[in-house]
Amino acid sequence: MVFVRHAGSVAVVAIAAAVGVGGCADSSSTPSSTPSSITSAAGVSTPPSASTVTVNGAATVPPGAPNPNAPEQVTPGDIPDNQVFVPYAPPGAVFEVSVPQGWARTADGAATVFTDKFNAVRIDARPRPVAPDVASVRAQEVPALATAPAFSLGDVTVVDRKAGKAVLVTYTAGSPIDPVTGKSVLTAVERYAFWRAGQEVVLTLSSAKGADNVDPWRTITDSLRWRV
């Protein structure tokens, strides 16, 4: 920077160096030779890849690294407050239940499944001579449920709904692998078993773990109505 001051016919010129003493730059601005992240051409920084560990000739995940085979954690999808529900009854059924309008409907054997993103409502109906209870569900149903990937049992209880009592099983599990993405999503599941006059209706409600669907799930389970 140059400053010029005129005092009569004498010009005084002062020159200040922009650099520090000795003209050396600050060494703290020098980049490290070992990068803590890698910046792509799009300007996105990502940490360097972790090395794999080979044990008995097989590559394994190093300690502390994420498991690529674990169900994917996704952003939960809450069912909107303005979701409309419509009654549904399979042909010849002795019951009907309200399901979310606009969801995709598919058949899985004798079951009917309604899905939207990571949310699902599954309806199973079958003859059962004796009403289920906590003990029978733990002994007969939970072992089959536990075959799902990443299964973790919550609890088995009896709850009251408008159609009567239901045995509720809560658990988390990995969803079936998506044939398009090849990924599995960790889901929170509520399974309600209703019974009347030799007929069992099972409503299985699932969503991505962390979603707040308490009210929609209550609307559906309270909507079950026996026709006889």
Protein backbone atom coordinates (compact mmCIF):
# COMPACT_ATOMS: atom_id res chain seq x y z
CA MET A 1 0.00 0.00 0.00
CA VAL A 2 1.39 3.46 -0.94
CA PHE A 3 0.54 6.67 0.89
CA VAL A 4 1.52 10.06 -0.61
CA ARG A 5 1.45 13.28 1.40
CA HIS A 6 2.42 16.66 -0.02
CA ALA A 7 3.94 19.20 2.34
CA GLY A 8 4.67 22.26 0.21
CA SER A 9 6.87 21.09 -2.64
CA VAL A 10 8.04 17.98 -0.80
CA ALA A 11 6.26 14.66 -1.39
CA VAL A 12 6.56 12.10 1.33
CA VAL A 13 6.06 8.54 0.20
CA ALA A 14 5.51 5.66 2.67
CA ILE A 15 5.49 2.09 1.43
CA ALA A 16 4.10 -0.71 3.68
CA ALA A 17 4.85 -4.34 2.85
CA ALA A 18 1.78 -6.54 2.60
CA VAL A 19 3.71 -9.57 3.78
CA GLY A 20 5.09 -10.31 7.25
CA VAL A 21 8.64 -9.76 8.37
CA GLY A 22 11.09 -11.38 5.99
CA GLY A 23 8.35 -11.64 3.30
CA CYS A 24 7.28 -15.16 4.38
CA ALA A 25 3.68 -16.35 4.07
CA ASP A 26 1.84 -17.79 7.11
CA SER A 27 2.71 -21.51 7.27
CA SER A 28 -0.67 -22.34 8.83
CA SER A 29 -2.37 -21.92 5.43
CA THR A 30 -0.33 -24.69 3.85
CA PRO A 31 -2.62 -27.70 3.08
CA SER A 32 -1.87 -30.99 4.79
CA SER A 33 -0.26 -33.67 2.68
CA THR A 34 -2.83 -36.19 3.95
CA PRO A 35 -6.43 -35.22 3.02
CA SER A 36 -9.19 -35.89 5.56
CA SER A 37 -11.73 -35.96 2.74
CA ILE A 38 -11.91 -36.21 -1.01
CA THR A 39 -13.74 -33.57 -3.04
CA SER A 40 -15.47 -34.75 -6.20
CA ALA A 41 -15.91 -32.75 -9.37
CA ALA A 42 -19.37 -31.82 -8.13
CA GLY A 43 -17.85 -30.21 -5.03
CA VAL A 44 -19.09 -32.84 -2.57
CA SER A 45 -16.66 -33.89 0.15
CA THR A 46 -16.61 -37.51 1.19
CA PRO A 47 -14.36 -39.31 3.69
CA PRO A 48 -11.73 -41.64 2.30
CA SER A 49 -12.85 -45.24 1.88
CA ALA A 50 -12.13 -47.65 4.74
CA SER A 51 -9.95 -50.61 3.95
CA THR A 52 -11.43 -54.08 4.07
CA VAL A 53 -10.00 -56.80 6.23
CA THR A 54 -9.41 -60.27 4.83
CA VAL A 55 -10.05 -63.21 7.16
CA ASN A 56 -9.45 -66.74 5.85
CA GLY A 57 -9.56 -65.43 2.32
CA ALA A 58 -12.90 -63.60 2.74
CA ALA A 59 -13.28 -59.83 2.81
CA THR A 60 -15.00 -58.57 5.95
CA VAL A 61 -16.07 -55.16 7.22
CA PRO A 62 -13.38 -53.49 9.37
CA PRO A 63 -14.26 -52.64 12.99
CA GLY A 64 -16.43 -49.52 13.23
CA ALA A 65 -17.35 -49.50 9.53
CA PRO A 66 -21.04 -49.76 8.47
CA ASN A 67 -22.30 -53.20 7.47
CA PRO A 68 -23.34 -53.07 3.79
CA ASN A 69 -25.64 -56.07 4.33
CA ALA A 70 -27.68 -54.44 7.11
CA PRO A 71 -31.16 -53.07 6.30
CA GLU A 72 -30.95 -49.52 5.02
CA GLN A 73 -31.88 -46.67 7.38
CA VAL A 74 -34.17 -44.30 5.49
CA THR A 75 -35.93 -41.06 6.20
CA PRO A 76 -39.24 -42.07 7.80
CA GLY A 77 -42.41 -41.33 5.86
CA ASP A 78 -45.27 -40.23 8.10
CA ILE A 79 -48.75 -40.74 6.67
CA PRO A 80 -50.19 -37.22 6.13
CA ASP A 81 -52.90 -35.94 8.45
CA ASN A 82 -55.29 -35.44 5.54
CA GLN A 83 -55.05 -39.07 4.36
CA VAL A 84 -58.48 -40.41 3.35
CA PHE A 85 -59.50 -43.94 4.38
CA VAL A 86 -62.00 -46.11 2.50
CA PRO A 87 -63.68 -49.40 3.51
CA TYR A 88 -62.35 -52.63 2.05
CA ALA A 89 -63.66 -56.20 2.30
CA PRO A 90 -62.33 -59.23 0.39
CA PRO A 91 -64.98 -61.14 -1.58
CA GLY A 92 -67.09 -63.28 0.74
CA ALA A 93 -65.35 -61.93 3.86
CA VAL A 94 -67.13 -61.70 7.21
CA PHE A 95 -65.42 -58.39 7.99
CA GLU A 96 -64.42 -55.05 6.50
CA VAL A 97 -61.65 -52.62 7.39
CA SER A 98 -60.71 -49.10 6.30
CA VAL A 99 -57.50 -48.70 4.29
CA PRO A 100 -55.69 -45.61 2.95
CA GLN A 101 -57.17 -44.39 -0.31
CA GLY A 102 -54.79 -44.33 -3.27
CA TRP A 103 -52.30 -46.89 -1.99
CA ALA A 104 -51.15 -49.64 -4.33
CA ARG A 105 -53.00 -52.92 -3.83
CA THR A 106 -51.38 -56.31 -4.41
CA ALA A 107 -52.06 -59.93 -3.49
CA ASP A 108 -49.59 -62.08 -1.55
CA GLY A 109 -51.12 -65.52 -1.61
CA ALA A 110 -54.41 -65.26 0.25
CA ALA A 111 -53.38 -61.93 1.84
CA THR A 112 -54.10 -58.45 0.50
CA VAL A 113 -51.42 -55.79 0.86
CA PHE A 114 -51.74 -52.00 0.46
CA THR A 115 -48.48 -50.06 0.12
CA ASP A 116 -47.21 -46.52 -0.25
CA LYS A 117 -43.48 -45.81 -0.17
CA PHE A 118 -42.21 -47.57 2.99
CA ASN A 119 -45.68 -47.95 4.57
CA ALA A 120 -47.76 -51.11 4.27
CA VAL A 121 -51.05 -52.57 5.49
CA ARG A 122 -51.37 -56.35 5.18
CA ILE A 123 -54.70 -58.14 5.71
CA ASP A 124 -54.82 -61.88 6.39
CA ALA A 125 -58.03 -63.81 7.15
CA ARG A 126 -58.28 -67.50 7.99
CA PRO A 127 -60.34 -69.96 10.04
CA ARG A 128 -59.10 -70.53 13.58
CA PRO A 129 -61.15 -72.68 15.97
CA VAL A 130 -59.77 -71.13 19.16
CA ALA A 131 -59.10 -67.45 19.90
CA PRO A 132 -55.41 -66.50 20.04
CA ASP A 133 -53.89 -65.28 23.30
CA VAL A 134 -50.48 -63.99 24.35
CA ALA A 135 -49.13 -67.47 25.10
CA SER A 136 -50.30 -69.05 21.84
CA VAL A 137 -49.02 -66.15 19.74
CA ARG A 138 -45.61 -66.28 21.43
CA ALA A 139 -45.40 -70.02 20.87
CA GLN A 140 -46.91 -70.31 17.38
CA GLU A 141 -46.59 -66.96 15.58
CA VAL A 142 -43.44 -65.26 16.88
CA PRO A 143 -41.04 -68.03 15.72
CA ALA A 144 -42.29 -67.62 12.15
CA LEU A 145 -42.02 -63.83 12.37
CA ALA A 146 -38.47 -64.16 13.71
CA THR A 147 -37.26 -65.59 10.39
CA ALA A 148 -37.38 -62.06 8.93
CA PRO A 149 -33.95 -60.40 8.55
CA ALA A 150 -32.79 -58.18 11.43
CA PHE A 151 -35.78 -59.30 13.54
CA SER A 152 -36.05 -57.83 17.04
CA LEU A 153 -39.11 -58.56 19.17
CA GLY A 154 -40.74 -55.70 21.05
CA ASP A 155 -43.64 -57.15 23.06
CA VAL A 156 -46.74 -59.33 22.89
CA THR A 157 -49.79 -57.82 24.59
CA VAL A 158 -53.60 -57.67 24.44
CA VAL A 159 -55.19 -54.37 23.36
CA ASP A 160 -58.77 -53.17 23.06
CA ARG A 161 -60.21 -51.97 19.78
CA LYS A 162 -63.77 -51.22 18.66
CA ALA A 163 -64.16 -54.71 17.18
CA GLY A 164 -62.98 -56.30 20.43
CA LYS A 165 -59.69 -57.45 21.90
CA ALA A 166 -56.66 -58.15 19.72
CA VAL A 167 -53.29 -59.73 20.41
CA LEU A 168 -50.65 -57.19 19.42
CA VAL A 169 -47.07 -58.12 18.49
CA THR A 170 -44.61 -55.25 18.03
CA TYR A 171 -41.19 -55.79 16.44
CA THR A 172 -38.63 -54.41 14.02
CA ALA A 173 -37.35 -56.26 10.97
CA GLY A 174 -35.79 -55.76 7.59
CA SER A 175 -38.23 -55.49 4.74
CA PRO A 176 -38.03 -57.89 1.78
CA ILE A 177 -35.24 -56.91 -0.61
CA ASP A 178 -36.46 -54.50 -3.26
CA PRO A 179 -36.02 -56.16 -6.69
CA VAL A 180 -35.11 -52.79 -8.25
CA THR A 181 -32.72 -51.28 -5.71
CA GLY A 182 -31.55 -54.52 -4.12
CA LYS A 183 -31.91 -52.92 -0.68
CA SER A 184 -33.80 -53.78 2.51
CA VAL A 185 -35.37 -51.13 4.77
CA LEU A 186 -35.55 -51.43 8.56
CA THR A 187 -39.24 -51.31 9.50
CA ALA A 188 -41.28 -51.00 12.68
CA VAL A 189 -44.20 -53.45 12.66
CA GLU A 190 -47.47 -53.76 14.58
CA ARG A 191 -49.34 -57.06 14.09
CA TYR A 192 -52.94 -57.26 15.39
CA ALA A 193 -54.75 -60.61 15.60
CA PHE A 194 -58.55 -60.30 15.93
CA TRP A 195 -60.86 -63.28 16.40
CA ARG A 196 -64.58 -63.97 16.34
CA ALA A 197 -66.66 -67.14 15.92
CA GLY A 198 -63.86 -69.26 14.49
CA GLN A 199 -62.50 -66.56 12.15
CA GLU A 200 -59.17 -64.77 12.62
CA VAL A 201 -58.25 -61.49 10.94
CA VAL A 202 -54.65 -60.32 11.18
CA LEU A 203 -53.76 -56.70 10.37
CA THR A 204 -50.02 -56.12 9.97
CA LEU A 205 -49.03 -52.46 9.78
CA SER A 206 -45.45 -51.48 8.97
CA SER A 207 -43.48 -48.34 8.23
CA ALA A 208 -39.87 -47.21 8.16
CA LYS A 209 -38.46 -47.23 11.68
CA GLY A 210 -38.85 -43.78 13.23
CA ALA A 211 -42.06 -42.83 11.41
CA ASP A 212 -44.89 -41.46 13.56
CA ASN A 213 -47.97 -43.30 12.31
CA VAL A 214 -49.71 -43.85 15.65
CA ASP A 215 -52.92 -42.08 14.59
CA PRO A 216 -53.31 -43.73 11.13
CA TRP A 217 -52.62 -47.17 12.60
CA ARG A 218 -55.25 -46.53 15.29
CA THR A 219 -57.73 -45.41 12.63
CA ILE A 220 -57.22 -48.65 10.68
CA THR A 221 -57.33 -51.03 13.64
CA ASP A 222 -60.37 -49.27 15.12
CA SER A 223 -62.17 -49.53 11.76
CA LEU A 224 -62.37 -53.34 11.70
CA ARG A 225 -66.04 -54.36 11.70
CA TRP A 226 -67.48 -57.89 11.78
CA ARG A 227 -70.32 -58.41 9.34
CA VAL A 228 -71.92 -61.32 11.25
